[in-house]
Amino acid sequence: MHEQVDAAAALKGIARIEATARVRSRWYVGYLWLFAVWQLVLVPAVLLWHGRTGALVSGLANALVLLGLSLFAMRQPVVPHGYGGRNLRVIGAWAVAYVLALVLGLAFFVDSVAFAAMAALVCALPGAAAAWREARAV
């Protein structure tokens, strides 16, 4: 009988720890949304703002945003289970969309605001979809 009480107490403790970890890992949803929203600014800036100044400002702004997001992620006390693999898939899908957007935009759709807007949405999609999935899972 004593063993059953100990097992029940242990299971309650585990459930409490899991619930706390789940709540404290919600930061990842915000991280993904920020990454997705940033694409709505970055992609049009890169595609429509030509020259050295545009490249410099876009590159520096992107580096600062990514540095900020990375530092934010590193400072979190709880990392969602499977975070590394999921984040690599998000960044991989984004990288494919981003390179494709740059190649098509700079080769065939130069100064096309409509293309830049559509490319921004496509580049934001991996982060937004992952944020939506994560929010539903939490």
Protein backbone atom coordinates (compact mmCIF):
# COMPACT_ATOMS: atom_id res chain seq x y z
CA MET A 1 0.00 0.00 0.00
CA HIS A 2 2.84 2.35 0.85
CA GLU A 3 4.37 1.75 -2.60
CA GLN A 4 1.11 2.79 -4.29
CA VAL A 5 1.04 6.07 -2.36
CA ASP A 6 4.69 6.75 -3.29
CA ALA A 7 3.96 5.95 -6.95
CA ALA A 8 0.91 8.24 -6.97
CA ALA A 9 2.90 11.06 -5.39
CA ALA A 10 5.70 10.56 -7.91
CA LEU A 11 3.23 10.67 -10.82
CA LYS A 12 1.68 13.88 -9.46
CA GLY A 13 5.16 15.39 -9.16
CA ILE A 14 6.01 14.40 -12.72
CA ALA A 15 2.71 15.85 -14.00
CA ARG A 16 3.43 19.12 -12.16
CA ILE A 17 6.93 19.32 -13.65
CA GLU A 18 5.60 18.62 -17.16
CA ALA A 19 2.91 21.30 -16.79
CA THR A 20 5.48 23.84 -15.60
CA ALA A 21 7.84 22.98 -18.45
CA ARG A 22 5.04 23.26 -20.99
CA VAL A 23 4.04 26.72 -19.73
CA ARG A 24 7.64 27.95 -19.55
CA SER A 25 8.38 26.78 -23.09
CA ARG A 26 5.71 29.05 -24.61
CA TRP A 27 8.43 31.58 -25.40
CA TYR A 28 9.16 29.58 -28.55
CA VAL A 29 5.79 30.57 -30.04
CA GLY A 30 6.65 34.26 -29.66
CA TYR A 31 10.12 33.67 -31.03
CA LEU A 32 8.66 32.05 -34.15
CA TRP A 33 6.09 34.82 -34.65
CA LEU A 34 8.81 37.48 -34.36
CA PHE A 35 10.91 35.63 -36.91
CA ALA A 36 7.92 35.39 -39.27
CA VAL A 37 6.97 39.06 -38.91
CA TRP A 38 10.57 40.10 -39.50
CA GLN A 39 10.38 38.49 -42.95
CA LEU A 40 7.60 40.93 -43.88
CA VAL A 41 10.13 43.75 -43.43
CA LEU A 42 13.37 42.08 -44.50
CA VAL A 43 12.37 40.53 -47.82
CA PRO A 44 10.84 43.66 -49.39
CA ALA A 45 13.78 45.73 -48.14
CA VAL A 46 16.28 43.38 -49.75
CA LEU A 47 14.33 43.08 -53.02
CA LEU A 48 13.35 46.74 -53.44
CA TRP A 49 16.17 48.75 -51.85
CA HIS A 50 19.09 48.48 -54.26
CA GLY A 51 22.67 49.60 -53.92
CA ARG A 52 25.29 49.47 -51.23
CA THR A 53 23.26 51.41 -48.69
CA GLY A 54 20.28 49.09 -49.03
CA ALA A 55 22.45 46.01 -48.75
CA LEU A 56 24.30 47.43 -45.74
CA VAL A 57 21.20 48.51 -43.86
CA SER A 58 19.28 45.31 -44.65
CA GLY A 59 22.24 43.11 -43.73
CA LEU A 60 22.96 44.92 -40.47
CA ALA A 61 19.30 45.01 -39.47
CA ASN A 62 18.95 41.29 -40.20
CA ALA A 63 22.10 40.49 -38.24
CA LEU A 64 20.81 42.49 -35.25
CA VAL A 65 17.38 40.87 -35.33
CA LEU A 66 18.83 37.37 -35.62
CA LEU A 67 21.36 38.10 -32.88
CA GLY A 68 18.57 39.38 -30.64
CA LEU A 69 16.39 36.34 -31.31
CA SER A 70 19.34 34.00 -30.71
CA LEU A 71 20.28 35.67 -27.42
CA PHE A 72 16.64 35.57 -26.35
CA ALA A 73 16.44 31.84 -27.13
CA MET A 74 19.68 31.09 -25.30
CA ARG A 75 18.47 32.81 -22.13
CA GLN A 76 15.31 30.73 -21.81
CA PRO A 77 15.29 28.33 -18.87
CA VAL A 78 13.14 25.73 -20.63
CA VAL A 79 13.57 24.43 -24.16
CA PRO A 80 10.64 22.59 -25.77
CA HIS A 81 11.17 18.89 -26.42
CA GLY A 82 12.51 18.41 -29.94
CA TYR A 83 13.32 22.12 -30.28
CA GLY A 84 16.59 21.62 -32.17
CA GLY A 85 15.13 19.52 -34.95
CA ARG A 86 12.00 21.63 -35.31
CA ASN A 87 13.97 24.85 -35.41
CA LEU A 88 16.34 23.43 -38.02
CA ARG A 89 13.36 22.47 -40.20
CA VAL A 90 11.88 25.96 -39.87
CA ILE A 91 15.17 27.65 -40.72
CA GLY A 92 15.79 25.18 -43.57
CA ALA A 93 12.36 25.84 -45.12
CA TRP A 94 12.87 29.58 -44.66
CA ALA A 95 16.33 29.42 -46.29
CA VAL A 96 14.93 27.66 -49.36
CA ALA A 97 12.11 30.22 -49.66
CA TYR A 98 14.48 33.15 -49.07
CA VAL A 99 17.08 32.06 -51.63
CA LEU A 100 14.35 31.33 -54.17
CA ALA A 101 12.77 34.74 -53.51
CA LEU A 102 16.11 36.50 -53.95
CA VAL A 103 17.02 34.63 -57.12
CA LEU A 104 13.63 35.15 -58.75
CA GLY A 105 13.21 38.69 -57.46
CA LEU A 106 16.61 39.94 -58.51
CA ALA A 107 16.62 38.11 -61.87
CA PHE A 108 13.04 38.35 -63.12
CA PHE A 109 10.98 40.64 -60.87
CA VAL A 110 13.27 43.61 -60.30
CA ASP A 111 11.44 46.44 -58.49
CA SER A 112 8.16 44.50 -58.45
CA VAL A 113 6.32 45.49 -55.29
CA ALA A 114 3.76 42.73 -55.84
CA PHE A 115 6.47 40.08 -56.07
CA ALA A 116 8.28 41.48 -53.01
CA ALA A 117 5.05 41.34 -51.00
CA MET A 118 4.29 37.77 -52.10
CA ALA A 119 7.89 36.69 -51.47
CA ALA A 120 7.73 38.20 -47.97
CA LEU A 121 4.59 36.20 -47.20
CA VAL A 122 6.17 32.99 -48.53
CA CYS A 123 9.32 33.60 -46.46
CA ALA A 124 7.21 34.29 -43.36
CA LEU A 125 5.21 31.10 -43.84
CA PRO A 126 7.66 28.59 -42.24
CA GLY A 127 7.90 30.61 -39.03
CA ALA A 128 4.19 31.40 -38.90
CA ALA A 129 3.16 27.79 -39.55
CA ALA A 130 5.54 26.52 -36.88
CA ALA A 131 4.31 29.17 -34.41
CA TRP A 132 0.72 28.14 -35.07
CA ARG A 133 1.58 24.45 -34.57
CA GLU A 134 3.52 25.18 -31.37
CA ALA A 135 0.70 27.32 -29.97
CA ARG A 136 -1.77 24.50 -30.54
CA ALA A 137 0.56 21.97 -28.91
CA VAL A 138 1.09 24.02 -25.72
